[in-house]
Amino acid sequence: MKKIEFDREVIQFIIKVFVKISIVIMLIIGLSTVINGFFKTLDETKTFKYNIESVVSSKGAEGSFILGTGNINDEAYFLAYETQDDGGKVLRKYDSARVIIYENLENNKEPYVEKTEYQLTGELKECKLYFPRDTIKKEVDINLSNINN
């Protein structure tokens, strides 16, 4: 049998390389776990349910003009009074792009809103307004007196 002899420096070098590779692998695993947990937290939401009263839709326009140039910002939204747990009412404004309307409740049921917000930021993800059947008034305002020839 041949006896294999290793130099002490070679063995120390192999151990150092193994330790460094192990540390890098543990750092990668730890970082990926932290990053995955962070992005999972960003997606977490919470949903609130409130009874609502007096909902109206509105479209506002505002802008600025200087020397014949400017901009106009259109904004369509819904306004609703939310009834809080303590009986108080809070006027809320919802961007119409994030609102889904359901007209599917029985006529004896109270209208309500389900708001889903991102837990970390509190930003509105979506808003669902539920109304009794046949209670939404669709109004069309045709005012021909404002047309200039």
Protein backbone atom coordinates (compact mmCIF):
# COMPACT_ATOMS: atom_id res chain seq x y z
CA MET A 1 0.00 0.00 0.00
CA LYS A 2 1.17 3.44 -0.86
CA LYS A 3 1.04 6.04 1.77
CA ILE A 4 -0.23 9.40 0.56
CA GLU A 5 1.14 12.34 2.39
CA PHE A 6 -0.43 15.76 2.19
CA ASP A 7 1.32 18.91 2.98
CA ARG A 8 -0.19 20.82 5.90
CA GLU A 9 -0.51 23.98 3.77
CA VAL A 10 -2.54 22.13 1.11
CA ILE A 11 -4.94 20.82 3.74
CA GLN A 12 -5.36 24.30 5.26
CA PHE A 13 -5.97 25.75 1.80
CA ILE A 14 -8.68 23.14 1.06
CA ILE A 15 -10.36 23.84 4.41
CA LYS A 16 -10.30 27.62 3.81
CA VAL A 17 -11.83 27.21 0.35
CA PHE A 18 -14.53 24.89 1.73
CA VAL A 19 -15.38 27.35 4.55
CA LYS A 20 -15.58 30.30 2.14
CA ILE A 21 -17.82 28.39 -0.27
CA SER A 22 -20.05 27.35 2.66
CA ILE A 23 -20.34 30.96 3.86
CA VAL A 24 -21.26 32.19 0.36
CA ILE A 25 -23.93 29.47 0.01
CA MET A 26 -25.41 30.36 3.42
CA LEU A 27 -25.46 34.07 2.52
CA ILE A 28 -27.24 33.34 -0.78
CA ILE A 29 -29.84 31.17 0.97
CA GLY A 30 -30.36 33.78 3.70
CA LEU A 31 -30.66 36.68 1.25
CA SER A 32 -33.12 34.81 -0.96
CA THR A 33 -35.25 34.01 2.10
CA VAL A 34 -35.28 37.67 3.20
CA ILE A 35 -36.04 38.97 -0.30
CA ASN A 36 -38.81 36.39 -0.80
CA GLY A 37 -40.36 37.36 2.53
CA PHE A 38 -40.18 41.07 1.66
CA PHE A 39 -41.99 40.65 -1.66
CA LYS A 40 -44.56 38.37 -0.05
CA THR A 41 -45.24 41.13 2.51
CA LEU A 42 -45.76 43.67 -0.29
CA ASP A 43 -48.54 41.53 -1.78
CA GLU A 44 -50.39 40.90 1.49
CA THR A 45 -53.77 42.60 1.63
CA LYS A 46 -56.53 43.22 4.12
CA THR A 47 -60.22 43.58 3.30
CA PHE A 48 -62.70 45.88 5.02
CA LYS A 49 -66.48 45.81 4.75
CA TYR A 50 -68.67 48.85 5.49
CA ASN A 51 -72.32 49.65 4.89
CA ILE A 52 -72.66 52.64 2.57
CA GLU A 53 -75.16 55.40 1.93
CA SER A 54 -75.66 58.08 -0.68
CA VAL A 55 -73.30 57.00 -3.46
CA VAL A 56 -72.77 59.35 -6.39
CA SER A 57 -70.45 59.24 -9.35
CA SER A 58 -68.71 62.34 -10.49
CA LYS A 59 -66.25 63.54 -13.05
CA GLY A 60 -64.06 66.47 -12.22
CA ALA A 61 -61.77 68.42 -14.45
CA GLU A 62 -59.08 70.82 -13.43
CA GLY A 63 -56.13 72.28 -15.18
CA SER A 64 -54.00 75.31 -15.81
CA PHE A 65 -53.45 77.51 -18.82
CA ILE A 66 -50.76 80.07 -19.44
CA LEU A 67 -50.52 82.00 -22.70
CA GLY A 68 -52.70 79.56 -24.60
CA THR A 69 -51.03 76.36 -23.45
CA GLY A 70 -51.78 74.11 -20.50
CA ASN A 71 -53.20 70.82 -19.36
CA ILE A 72 -56.46 69.33 -18.17
CA ASN A 73 -56.63 66.45 -15.72
CA ASP A 74 -59.86 64.43 -15.89
CA GLU A 75 -60.76 62.35 -12.88
CA ALA A 76 -63.81 60.09 -12.60
CA TYR A 77 -64.65 58.89 -9.11
CA PHE A 78 -67.39 57.66 -6.75
CA LEU A 79 -68.28 59.33 -3.46
CA ALA A 80 -69.87 57.27 -0.70
CA TYR A 81 -70.59 57.60 3.00
CA GLU A 82 -69.19 54.59 4.86
CA THR A 83 -70.91 53.70 8.12
CA GLN A 84 -68.23 52.94 10.70
CA ASP A 85 -68.47 50.36 13.50
CA ASP A 86 -69.24 53.12 16.04
CA GLY A 87 -72.11 54.49 13.88
CA GLY A 88 -70.17 57.45 12.50
CA LYS A 89 -70.14 58.17 8.77
CA VAL A 90 -67.04 58.95 6.72
CA LEU A 91 -67.16 60.40 3.20
CA ARG A 92 -64.82 58.44 0.92
CA LYS A 93 -63.69 59.12 -2.63
CA TYR A 94 -62.92 56.12 -4.85
CA ASP A 95 -61.11 56.25 -8.18
CA SER A 96 -63.56 54.78 -10.70
CA ALA A 97 -60.77 52.77 -12.34
CA ARG A 98 -60.53 50.65 -9.17
CA VAL A 99 -64.27 50.28 -8.51
CA ILE A 100 -66.37 47.27 -9.47
CA ILE A 101 -70.14 47.67 -9.06
CA TYR A 102 -72.42 44.74 -8.30
CA GLU A 103 -76.18 45.16 -8.40
CA ASN A 104 -77.05 41.72 -7.05
CA LEU A 105 -78.32 42.14 -3.48
CA GLU A 106 -81.86 41.32 -2.43
CA ASN A 107 -84.01 44.45 -2.11
CA ASN A 108 -84.14 44.23 1.70
CA LYS A 109 -80.33 44.18 2.04
CA GLU A 110 -78.20 47.23 2.83
CA PRO A 111 -75.65 48.36 0.23
CA TYR A 112 -72.04 47.91 1.28
CA VAL A 113 -68.45 48.34 0.12
CA GLU A 114 -65.61 45.81 0.28
CA LYS A 115 -62.25 47.55 0.14
CA THR A 116 -59.05 45.60 -0.32
CA GLU A 117 -55.89 47.47 0.64
CA TYR A 118 -52.24 46.53 0.55
CA GLN A 119 -51.29 45.84 4.15
CA LEU A 120 -47.85 47.43 4.03
CA THR A 121 -48.75 50.71 2.27
CA GLY A 122 -52.49 51.05 2.89
CA GLU A 123 -52.98 51.77 -0.83
CA LEU A 124 -56.33 50.73 -2.29
CA LYS A 125 -56.04 47.61 -4.44
CA GLU A 126 -59.70 47.27 -5.38
CA CYS A 127 -63.10 48.40 -4.26
CA LYS A 128 -66.36 46.51 -4.73
CA LEU A 129 -69.67 48.31 -4.29
CA TYR A 130 -72.71 46.08 -3.72
CA PHE A 131 -76.26 47.39 -4.27
CA PRO A 132 -79.77 45.90 -4.24
CA ARG A 133 -81.15 45.01 -7.67
CA ASP A 134 -82.69 47.81 -9.74
CA THR A 135 -81.62 50.60 -7.38
CA ILE A 136 -78.91 52.26 -9.47
CA LYS A 137 -80.17 55.35 -11.27
CA LYS A 138 -78.58 55.92 -14.62
CA GLU A 139 -78.90 59.61 -15.38
CA VAL A 140 -77.96 61.21 -18.65
CA ASP A 141 -77.70 65.00 -18.67
CA ILE A 142 -78.20 66.28 -22.19
CA ASN A 143 -78.00 70.04 -22.15
CA LEU A 144 -78.27 71.35 -25.71
CA SER A 145 -78.29 74.98 -24.63
CA ASN A 146 -74.50 74.89 -24.14
CA ILE A 147 -73.79 74.15 -27.80
CA ASN A 148 -72.40 77.17 -29.66
CA ASN A 149 -72.85 77.40 -33.43
